[in-house]
Amino acid sequence: MWAQLLQEREKDQIAAINEGFESVVSAMDRLGKKDWFNYAVGLLVNIAVAAAFSPSAARDLLHGFSHAVQPLFDAFLKLIGS
């Protein structure tokens, strides 16, 4: 049972990775070199994070990060608002 669940999850991950790579290839025609490079790097980071963390761990990591940087954004908004 667990082996089958793992195989299904692996198939889903492989399908998502393949879809991402297809997206990068198709973006070559519609994006400039710098935009395409940024898109490709962002997608690769997204795939790496998704593969490394469970959805709940990734959510907790992003939640913690947003709480850590929120004071910086608040201070910046006060500076530009004055």
N, C-alpha and C. Protein backbone atom coordinates (compact mmCIF):
# COMPACT_ATOMS: atom_id res chain seq x y z
N MET A 1 0.81 -1.19 0.00
CA MET A 1 0.00 0.00 0.00
C MET A 1 0.86 1.27 0.00
N TRP A 2 1.83 1.36 0.94
CA TRP A 2 2.69 2.55 1.01
C TRP A 2 3.54 2.68 -0.24
N ALA A 3 4.00 1.56 -0.74
CA ALA A 3 4.83 1.59 -1.95
C ALA A 3 4.04 2.16 -3.12
N GLN A 4 2.77 1.77 -3.20
CA GLN A 4 1.92 2.28 -4.29
C GLN A 4 1.69 3.78 -4.14
N LEU A 5 1.46 4.24 -2.91
CA LEU A 5 1.28 5.68 -2.67
C LEU A 5 2.54 6.46 -3.02
N LEU A 6 3.70 5.91 -2.66
CA LEU A 6 4.96 6.57 -3.01
C LEU A 6 5.17 6.62 -4.52
N GLN A 7 4.83 5.54 -5.19
CA GLN A 7 4.97 5.51 -6.65
C GLN A 7 4.04 6.53 -7.30
N GLU A 8 2.82 6.67 -6.79
CA GLU A 8 1.90 7.65 -7.34
C GLU A 8 2.40 9.06 -7.09
N ARG A 9 2.94 9.29 -5.90
CA ARG A 9 3.49 10.61 -5.59
C ARG A 9 4.68 10.92 -6.50
N GLU A 10 5.54 9.93 -6.69
CA GLU A 10 6.69 10.12 -7.57
C GLU A 10 6.23 10.42 -9.00
N LYS A 11 5.20 9.73 -9.44
CA LYS A 11 4.68 9.98 -10.79
C LYS A 11 4.14 11.40 -10.89
N ASP A 12 3.46 11.86 -9.85
CA ASP A 12 2.95 13.23 -9.85
C ASP A 12 4.09 14.24 -9.87
N GLN A 13 5.13 13.96 -9.08
CA GLN A 13 6.28 14.86 -9.06
C GLN A 13 6.99 14.89 -10.41
N ILE A 14 7.17 13.75 -11.00
CA ILE A 14 7.83 13.68 -12.31
C ILE A 14 6.99 14.41 -13.35
N ALA A 15 5.68 14.23 -13.28
CA ALA A 15 4.80 14.93 -14.23
C ALA A 15 4.89 16.44 -14.04
N ALA A 16 4.95 16.90 -12.79
CA ALA A 16 5.06 18.33 -12.52
C ALA A 16 6.40 18.87 -13.02
N ILE A 17 7.45 18.12 -12.83
CA ILE A 17 8.77 18.55 -13.30
C ILE A 17 8.79 18.63 -14.82
N ASN A 18 8.26 17.61 -15.47
CA ASN A 18 8.20 17.62 -16.94
C ASN A 18 7.37 18.79 -17.45
N GLU A 19 6.25 19.06 -16.79
CA GLU A 19 5.41 20.19 -17.18
C GLU A 19 6.17 21.51 -17.02
N GLY A 20 6.94 21.62 -15.94
CA GLY A 20 7.73 22.82 -15.73
C GLY A 20 8.78 23.01 -16.80
N PHE A 21 9.47 21.92 -17.17
CA PHE A 21 10.48 22.02 -18.22
C PHE A 21 9.85 22.37 -19.57
N GLU A 22 8.70 21.80 -19.84
CA GLU A 22 8.00 22.15 -21.08
C GLU A 22 7.62 23.63 -21.09
N SER A 23 7.24 24.13 -19.94
CA SER A 23 6.89 25.54 -19.82
C SER A 23 8.10 26.43 -20.08
N VAL A 24 9.25 26.03 -19.57
CA VAL A 24 10.49 26.80 -19.79
C VAL A 24 10.85 26.80 -21.27
N VAL A 25 10.73 25.65 -21.91
CA VAL A 25 11.05 25.56 -23.33
C VAL A 25 10.10 26.42 -24.16
N SER A 26 8.81 26.37 -23.83
CA SER A 26 7.86 27.16 -24.61
C SER A 26 8.03 28.66 -24.35
N ALA A 27 8.56 29.02 -23.18
CA ALA A 27 8.77 30.44 -22.86
C ALA A 27 9.92 31.04 -23.66
N MET A 28 10.77 30.21 -24.25
CA MET A 28 11.89 30.72 -25.04
C MET A 28 11.41 31.62 -26.18
N ASP A 29 10.29 31.27 -26.76
CA ASP A 29 9.78 32.00 -27.92
C ASP A 29 9.13 33.33 -27.55
N ARG A 30 8.59 33.44 -26.35
CA ARG A 30 7.84 34.64 -26.02
C ARG A 30 8.55 35.58 -25.05
N LEU A 31 9.67 35.17 -24.46
CA LEU A 31 10.38 36.01 -23.50
C LEU A 31 11.76 36.38 -24.04
N GLY A 32 12.24 37.51 -23.58
CA GLY A 32 13.61 37.90 -23.90
C GLY A 32 14.59 37.03 -23.10
N LYS A 33 15.88 37.17 -23.40
CA LYS A 33 16.88 36.31 -22.76
C LYS A 33 16.90 36.47 -21.24
N LYS A 34 16.91 37.71 -20.75
CA LYS A 34 16.97 37.93 -19.31
C LYS A 34 15.69 37.46 -18.63
N ASP A 35 14.55 37.78 -19.22
CA ASP A 35 13.28 37.35 -18.64
C ASP A 35 13.18 35.83 -18.63
N TRP A 36 13.62 35.21 -19.71
CA TRP A 36 13.57 33.75 -19.78
C TRP A 36 14.47 33.14 -18.72
N PHE A 37 15.68 33.70 -18.57
CA PHE A 37 16.61 33.17 -17.58
C PHE A 37 16.01 33.29 -16.17
N ASN A 38 15.44 34.45 -15.86
CA ASN A 38 14.82 34.63 -14.54
C ASN A 38 13.65 33.67 -14.35
N TYR A 39 12.86 33.48 -15.38
CA TYR A 39 11.74 32.54 -15.33
C TYR A 39 12.25 31.12 -15.07
N ALA A 40 13.29 30.72 -15.80
CA ALA A 40 13.83 29.38 -15.66
C ALA A 40 14.41 29.14 -14.27
N VAL A 41 15.17 30.11 -13.76
CA VAL A 41 15.75 29.97 -12.42
C VAL A 41 14.64 29.90 -11.37
N GLY A 42 13.64 30.76 -11.50
CA GLY A 42 12.53 30.74 -10.56
C GLY A 42 11.80 29.40 -10.57
N LEU A 43 11.60 28.86 -11.74
CA LEU A 43 10.92 27.56 -11.85
C LEU A 43 11.77 26.46 -11.23
N LEU A 44 13.07 26.47 -11.47
CA LEU A 44 13.93 25.45 -10.89
C LEU A 44 13.96 25.54 -9.37
N VAL A 45 13.98 26.76 -8.83
CA VAL A 45 13.93 26.92 -7.38
C VAL A 45 12.60 26.39 -6.85
N ASN A 46 11.53 26.71 -7.55
CA ASN A 46 10.21 26.23 -7.14
C ASN A 46 10.16 24.71 -7.12
N ILE A 47 10.70 24.07 -8.14
CA ILE A 47 10.72 22.61 -8.20
C ILE A 47 11.56 22.04 -7.06
N ALA A 48 12.71 22.66 -6.80
CA ALA A 48 13.59 22.17 -5.73
C ALA A 48 12.92 22.29 -4.37
N VAL A 49 12.27 23.41 -4.12
CA VAL A 49 11.59 23.60 -2.84
C VAL A 49 10.44 22.62 -2.71
N ALA A 50 9.68 22.45 -3.77
CA ALA A 50 8.55 21.52 -3.73
C ALA A 50 9.02 20.09 -3.49
N ALA A 51 10.16 19.73 -4.05
CA ALA A 51 10.67 18.38 -3.87
C ALA A 51 11.27 18.18 -2.48
N ALA A 52 11.82 19.25 -1.91
CA ALA A 52 12.51 19.13 -0.63
C ALA A 52 11.56 19.18 0.57
N PHE A 53 10.45 19.89 0.44
CA PHE A 53 9.56 20.10 1.58
C PHE A 53 8.18 19.53 1.30
N SER A 54 7.57 19.08 2.36
CA SER A 54 6.16 18.74 2.25
C SER A 54 5.39 20.05 2.15
N PRO A 55 4.18 20.03 1.66
CA PRO A 55 3.41 21.27 1.55
C PRO A 55 3.27 22.02 2.87
N SER A 56 3.08 21.29 3.96
CA SER A 56 2.93 21.98 5.25
C SER A 56 4.25 22.59 5.70
N ALA A 57 5.38 21.91 5.44
CA ALA A 57 6.68 22.47 5.81
C ALA A 57 6.99 23.71 4.98
N ALA A 58 6.68 23.68 3.69
CA ALA A 58 6.91 24.85 2.84
C ALA A 58 6.04 26.01 3.28
N ARG A 59 4.78 25.75 3.62
CA ARG A 59 3.88 26.79 4.09
C ARG A 59 4.41 27.41 5.39
N ASP A 60 4.87 26.57 6.33
CA ASP A 60 5.41 27.07 7.59
C ASP A 60 6.66 27.90 7.36
N LEU A 61 7.51 27.48 6.42
CA LEU A 61 8.73 28.22 6.10
C LEU A 61 8.39 29.60 5.54
N LEU A 62 7.46 29.65 4.59
CA LEU A 62 7.07 30.93 4.00
C LEU A 62 6.37 31.82 5.02
N HIS A 63 5.58 31.23 5.89
CA HIS A 63 4.89 31.99 6.93
C HIS A 63 5.91 32.62 7.88
N GLY A 64 6.90 31.84 8.28
CA GLY A 64 7.95 32.36 9.15
C GLY A 64 8.76 33.46 8.48
N PHE A 65 9.04 33.27 7.21
CA PHE A 65 9.79 34.29 6.47
C PHE A 65 9.00 35.59 6.38
N SER A 66 7.70 35.47 6.10
CA SER A 66 6.90 36.69 5.98
C SER A 66 6.83 37.44 7.30
N HIS A 67 6.76 36.72 8.42
CA HIS A 67 6.76 37.39 9.72
C HIS A 67 8.11 38.03 10.01
N ALA A 68 9.19 37.42 9.53
CA ALA A 68 10.52 37.96 9.77
C ALA A 68 10.77 39.25 8.99
N VAL A 69 10.26 39.35 7.77
CA VAL A 69 10.53 40.52 6.94
C VAL A 69 9.45 41.58 7.02
N GLN A 70 8.34 41.28 7.66
CA GLN A 70 7.24 42.25 7.74
C GLN A 70 7.69 43.59 8.36
N PRO A 71 8.49 43.58 9.44
CA PRO A 71 8.94 44.87 9.99
C PRO A 71 9.76 45.70 8.99
N LEU A 72 10.51 45.02 8.13
CA LEU A 72 11.29 45.74 7.11
C LEU A 72 10.37 46.43 6.12
N PHE A 73 9.33 45.73 5.69
CA PHE A 73 8.38 46.32 4.76
C PHE A 73 7.60 47.47 5.41
N ASP A 74 7.24 47.29 6.68
CA ASP A 74 6.53 48.36 7.39
C ASP A 74 7.39 49.61 7.49
N ALA A 75 8.67 49.44 7.84
CA ALA A 75 9.56 50.58 7.94
C ALA A 75 9.75 51.26 6.59
N PHE A 76 9.87 50.47 5.53
CA PHE A 76 10.02 51.03 4.18
C PHE A 76 8.78 51.83 3.79
N LEU A 77 7.62 51.30 4.08
CA LEU A 77 6.38 52.01 3.73
C LEU A 77 6.26 53.31 4.52
N LYS A 78 6.72 53.33 5.76
CA LYS A 78 6.70 54.58 6.54
C LYS A 78 7.66 55.60 5.93
N LEU A 79 8.81 55.12 5.46
CA LEU A 79 9.77 56.05 4.86
C LEU A 79 9.24 56.69 3.58
N ILE A 80 8.62 55.88 2.74
CA ILE A 80 8.15 56.45 1.46
C ILE A 80 6.84 57.19 1.64
N GLY A 81 6.14 56.92 2.73
CA GLY A 81 4.87 57.60 2.98
C GLY A 81 5.05 58.99 3.56
N SER A 82 6.19 59.25 4.16
CA SER A 82 6.44 60.56 4.79
C SER A 82 6.85 61.60 3.81
